């Protein structure tokens, strides 16, 4: 499945989660339930996947953790914050580059409407 098709399925799952739970919960709750919804679509999801980072001669086994990795193609960064900041966008772009992935979704569940709270970040797509 292409990244764009995966993005559509992930966004649908996110809307279902937000409709059922609403805003105001911890990120970990949204993360786990979103993973559950995505799996119901028949997709493979890794939660809190550790990713190594190599810098010069230094190797960090778990340099960072992805919230969700769907079908080994799309990184999903889950937030539950008042406002998405520029640093959140940059963080996801860095994750995409370090993991050599092309598409990421930044989803802020702490919003009245999820429509304007899903940001698509691309790395050479």
C-alpha atoms as a PDB file:
ATOM      1  CA  UNK A   1       0.000   0.000   0.000  1.00  0.00           C
ATOM      2  CA  UNK A   2       1.304   3.461  -0.924  1.00  0.00           C
ATOM      3  CA  UNK A   3       1.972   6.112   1.740  1.00  0.00           C
ATOM      4  CA  UNK A   4      -1.012   8.183   0.584  1.00  0.00           C
ATOM      5  CA  UNK A   5      -3.395   5.243   1.005  1.00  0.00           C
ATOM      6  CA  UNK A   6      -1.939   4.549   4.436  1.00  0.00           C
ATOM      7  CA  UNK A   7      -2.359   8.214   5.365  1.00  0.00           C
ATOM      8  CA  UNK A   8      -6.042   8.043   4.454  1.00  0.00           C
ATOM      9  CA  UNK A   9      -6.581   4.934   6.613  1.00  0.00           C
ATOM     10  CA  UNK A  10      -4.649   6.442   9.549  1.00  0.00           C
ATOM     11  CA  UNK A  11      -6.597   9.693   9.384  1.00  0.00           C
ATOM     12  CA  UNK A  12      -9.877   7.755   9.343  1.00  0.00           C
ATOM     13  CA  UNK A  13      -8.784   5.836  12.434  1.00  0.00           C
ATOM     14  CA  UNK A  14      -7.760   9.103  14.149  1.00  0.00           C
ATOM     15  CA  UNK A  15     -11.182  10.636  13.462  1.00  0.00           C
ATOM     16  CA  UNK A  16     -12.891   7.583  14.966  1.00  0.00           C
ATOM     17  CA  UNK A  17     -10.731   7.810  18.090  1.00  0.00           C
ATOM     18  CA  UNK A  18     -11.344  11.542  18.483  1.00  0.00           C
ATOM     19  CA  UNK A  19     -15.086  11.178  17.903  1.00  0.00           C
ATOM     20  CA  UNK A  20     -15.329   8.471  20.558  1.00  0.00           C
ATOM     21  CA  UNK A  21     -12.976   9.938  23.179  1.00  0.00           C
ATOM     22  CA  UNK A  22     -12.872  13.674  22.531  1.00  0.00           C
ATOM     23  CA  UNK A  23      -9.981  15.917  23.636  1.00  0.00           C
ATOM     24  CA  UNK A  24      -8.244  16.112  27.008  1.00  0.00           C
ATOM     25  CA  UNK A  25      -6.658  12.708  27.584  1.00  0.00           C
ATOM     26  CA  UNK A  26      -2.990  11.780  27.808  1.00  0.00           C
ATOM     27  CA  UNK A  27      -1.029  11.160  24.618  1.00  0.00           C
ATOM     28  CA  UNK A  28      -0.384   7.552  25.640  1.00  0.00           C
ATOM     29  CA  UNK A  29      -4.125   6.832  25.696  1.00  0.00           C
ATOM     30  CA  UNK A  30      -4.624   8.213  22.188  1.00  0.00           C
ATOM     31  CA  UNK A  31      -1.498   6.430  20.975  1.00  0.00           C
ATOM     32  CA  UNK A  32      -2.621   2.977  22.151  1.00  0.00           C
ATOM     33  CA  UNK A  33      -6.207   3.348  20.996  1.00  0.00           C
ATOM     34  CA  UNK A  34      -5.149   4.767  17.628  1.00  0.00           C
ATOM     35  CA  UNK A  35      -2.843   1.761  17.164  1.00  0.00           C
ATOM     36  CA  UNK A  36      -5.796  -0.504  17.968  1.00  0.00           C
ATOM     37  CA  UNK A  37      -8.007   1.257  15.389  1.00  0.00           C
ATOM     38  CA  UNK A  38      -5.297   1.050  12.726  1.00  0.00           C
ATOM     39  CA  UNK A  39      -4.820  -2.664  13.400  1.00  0.00           C
ATOM     40  CA  UNK A  40      -8.568  -3.143  12.922  1.00  0.00           C
ATOM     41  CA  UNK A  41      -7.941  -1.898   9.355  1.00  0.00           C
ATOM     42  CA  UNK A  42      -5.608  -4.876   8.888  1.00  0.00           C
ATOM     43  CA  UNK A  43      -2.447  -2.766   9.014  1.00  0.00           C
ATOM     44  CA  UNK A  44       0.781  -3.530  10.866  1.00  0.00           C
ATOM     45  CA  UNK A  45       1.596  -1.012  13.622  1.00  0.00           C
ATOM     46  CA  UNK A  46       4.621  -0.707  15.905  1.00  0.00           C
ATOM     47  CA  UNK A  47       4.144   1.331  19.087  1.00  0.00           C
ATOM     48  CA  UNK A  48       7.018   3.196  20.771  1.00  0.00           C
ATOM     49  CA  UNK A  49       9.538   1.728  18.357  1.00  0.00           C
ATOM     50  CA  UNK A  50      13.111   2.502  19.350  1.00  0.00           C
ATOM     51  CA  UNK A  51      15.224   3.815  16.498  1.00  0.00           C
ATOM     52  CA  UNK A  52      19.016   3.928  16.582  1.00  0.00           C
ATOM     53  CA  UNK A  53      20.892   7.129  15.832  1.00  0.00           C
ATOM     54  CA  UNK A  54      24.436   7.158  14.515  1.00  0.00           C
ATOM     55  CA  UNK A  55      26.499  10.314  14.796  1.00  0.00           C
ATOM     56  CA  UNK A  56      30.086  10.137  13.581  1.00  0.00           C
ATOM     57  CA  UNK A  57      31.481   7.184  15.572  1.00  0.00           C
ATOM     58  CA  UNK A  58      28.770   7.269  18.242  1.00  0.00           C
ATOM     59  CA  UNK A  59      25.932   4.753  18.158  1.00  0.00           C
ATOM     60  CA  UNK A  60      22.807   5.326  20.248  1.00  0.00           C
ATOM     61  CA  UNK A  61      20.742   2.140  20.258  1.00  0.00           C
ATOM     62  CA  UNK A  62      17.518   3.972  21.113  1.00  0.00           C
ATOM     63  CA  UNK A  63      18.214   7.485  19.936  1.00  0.00           C
ATOM     64  CA  UNK A  64      14.494   8.204  19.903  1.00  0.00           C
ATOM     65  CA  UNK A  65      11.164   6.416  19.944  1.00  0.00           C
ATOM     66  CA  UNK A  66       8.514   6.704  17.280  1.00  0.00           C
ATOM     67  CA  UNK A  67       4.993   6.879  18.677  1.00  0.00           C
ATOM     68  CA  UNK A  68       3.643   4.743  15.817  1.00  0.00           C
ATOM     69  CA  UNK A  69       5.119   3.246  12.670  1.00  0.00           C
ATOM     70  CA  UNK A  70       2.480   1.976  10.242  1.00  0.00           C
ATOM     71  CA  UNK A  71       3.371  -0.669   7.663  1.00  0.00           C
ATOM     72  CA  UNK A  72       7.038   0.314   8.052  1.00  0.00           C
ATOM     73  CA  UNK A  73       6.253   3.405   5.938  1.00  0.00           C
ATOM     74  CA  UNK A  74       4.404   6.121   7.860  1.00  0.00           C
ATOM     75  CA  UNK A  75       5.487   7.640  11.168  1.00  0.00           C
ATOM     76  CA  UNK A  76       2.654   8.946  13.337  1.00  0.00           C
ATOM     77  CA  UNK A  77       3.523  11.417  16.080  1.00  0.00           C
ATOM     78  CA  UNK A  78       0.688  11.695  18.610  1.00  0.00           C
ATOM     79  CA  UNK A  79       0.224  14.879  20.614  1.00  0.00           C
ATOM     80  CA  UNK A  80      -2.302  16.113  23.158  1.00  0.00           C
ATOM     81  CA  UNK A  81      -1.306  19.758  23.540  1.00  0.00           C
ATOM     82  CA  UNK A  82      -3.030  23.146  23.498  1.00  0.00           C
ATOM     83  CA  UNK A  83      -1.232  24.229  20.317  1.00  0.00           C
ATOM     84  CA  UNK A  84       1.089  22.464  17.901  1.00  0.00           C
ATOM     85  CA  UNK A  85       4.373  24.342  17.859  1.00  0.00           C
ATOM     86  CA  UNK A  86       6.955  24.647  15.117  1.00  0.00           C
ATOM     87  CA  UNK A  87       9.234  22.372  17.149  1.00  0.00           C
ATOM     88  CA  UNK A  88       6.673  19.546  16.837  1.00  0.00           C
ATOM     89  CA  UNK A  89       6.835  19.810  13.035  1.00  0.00           C
ATOM     90  CA  UNK A  90      10.637  19.885  13.073  1.00  0.00           C
ATOM     91  CA  UNK A  91      10.763  16.920  15.445  1.00  0.00           C
ATOM     92  CA  UNK A  92       8.720  14.766  13.087  1.00  0.00           C
ATOM     93  CA  UNK A  93      10.796  15.831  10.085  1.00  0.00           C
ATOM     94  CA  UNK A  94      13.955  14.844  11.973  1.00  0.00           C
ATOM     95  CA  UNK A  95      12.397  11.462  12.776  1.00  0.00           C
ATOM     96  CA  UNK A  96      11.560  10.944   9.109  1.00  0.00           C
ATOM     97  CA  UNK A  97      15.099  11.727   8.043  1.00  0.00           C
ATOM     98  CA  UNK A  98      16.761   9.583  10.713  1.00  0.00           C
ATOM     99  CA  UNK A  99      14.480   6.616   9.983  1.00  0.00           C
ATOM    100  CA  UNK A 100      14.674   7.144   6.205  1.00  0.00           C
ATOM    101  CA  UNK A 101      10.877   7.362   5.873  1.00  0.00           C
ATOM    102  CA  UNK A 102       8.990   9.585   3.477  1.00  0.00           C
ATOM    103  CA  UNK A 103       5.725  10.445   5.240  1.00  0.00           C
ATOM    104  CA  UNK A 104       4.723  11.415   8.749  1.00  0.00           C
ATOM    105  CA  UNK A 105       1.477  12.500  10.343  1.00  0.00           C
ATOM    106  CA  UNK A 106       1.445  14.844  13.321  1.00  0.00           C
ATOM    107  CA  UNK A 107      -1.890  14.461  15.101  1.00  0.00           C
ATOM    108  CA  UNK A 108      -3.020  16.670  17.984  1.00  0.00           C
ATOM    109  CA  UNK A 109      -5.954  15.033  19.757  1.00  0.00           C
ATOM    110  CA  UNK A 110      -6.401  17.931  22.197  1.00  0.00           C
ATOM    111  CA  UNK A 111      -8.518  19.957  19.806  1.00  0.00           C
ATOM    112  CA  UNK A 112     -12.235  20.611  19.484  1.00  0.00           C
ATOM    113  CA  UNK A 113     -12.040  19.485  15.847  1.00  0.00           C
ATOM    114  CA  UNK A 114      -9.464  17.063  14.527  1.00  0.00           C
ATOM    115  CA  UNK A 115      -9.935  18.405  10.983  1.00  0.00           C
ATOM    116  CA  UNK A 116      -7.324  21.133  11.426  1.00  0.00           C
ATOM    117  CA  UNK A 117      -5.172  19.178  13.860  1.00  0.00           C
ATOM    118  CA  UNK A 118      -3.606  16.637  11.507  1.00  0.00           C
ATOM    119  CA  UNK A 119      -0.437  17.807   9.778  1.00  0.00           C
ATOM    120  CA  UNK A 120       1.220  15.896   6.969  1.00  0.00           C
ATOM    121  CA  UNK A 121       5.020  16.137   6.951  1.00  0.00           C
ATOM    122  CA  UNK A 122       6.986  14.809   3.986  1.00  0.00           C
ATOM    123  CA  UNK A 123      10.598  13.880   3.468  1.00  0.00           C
ATOM    124  CA  UNK A 124      11.211  13.705  -0.264  1.00  0.00           C
ATOM    125  CA  UNK A 125       7.777  12.343  -1.186  1.00  0.00           C
END
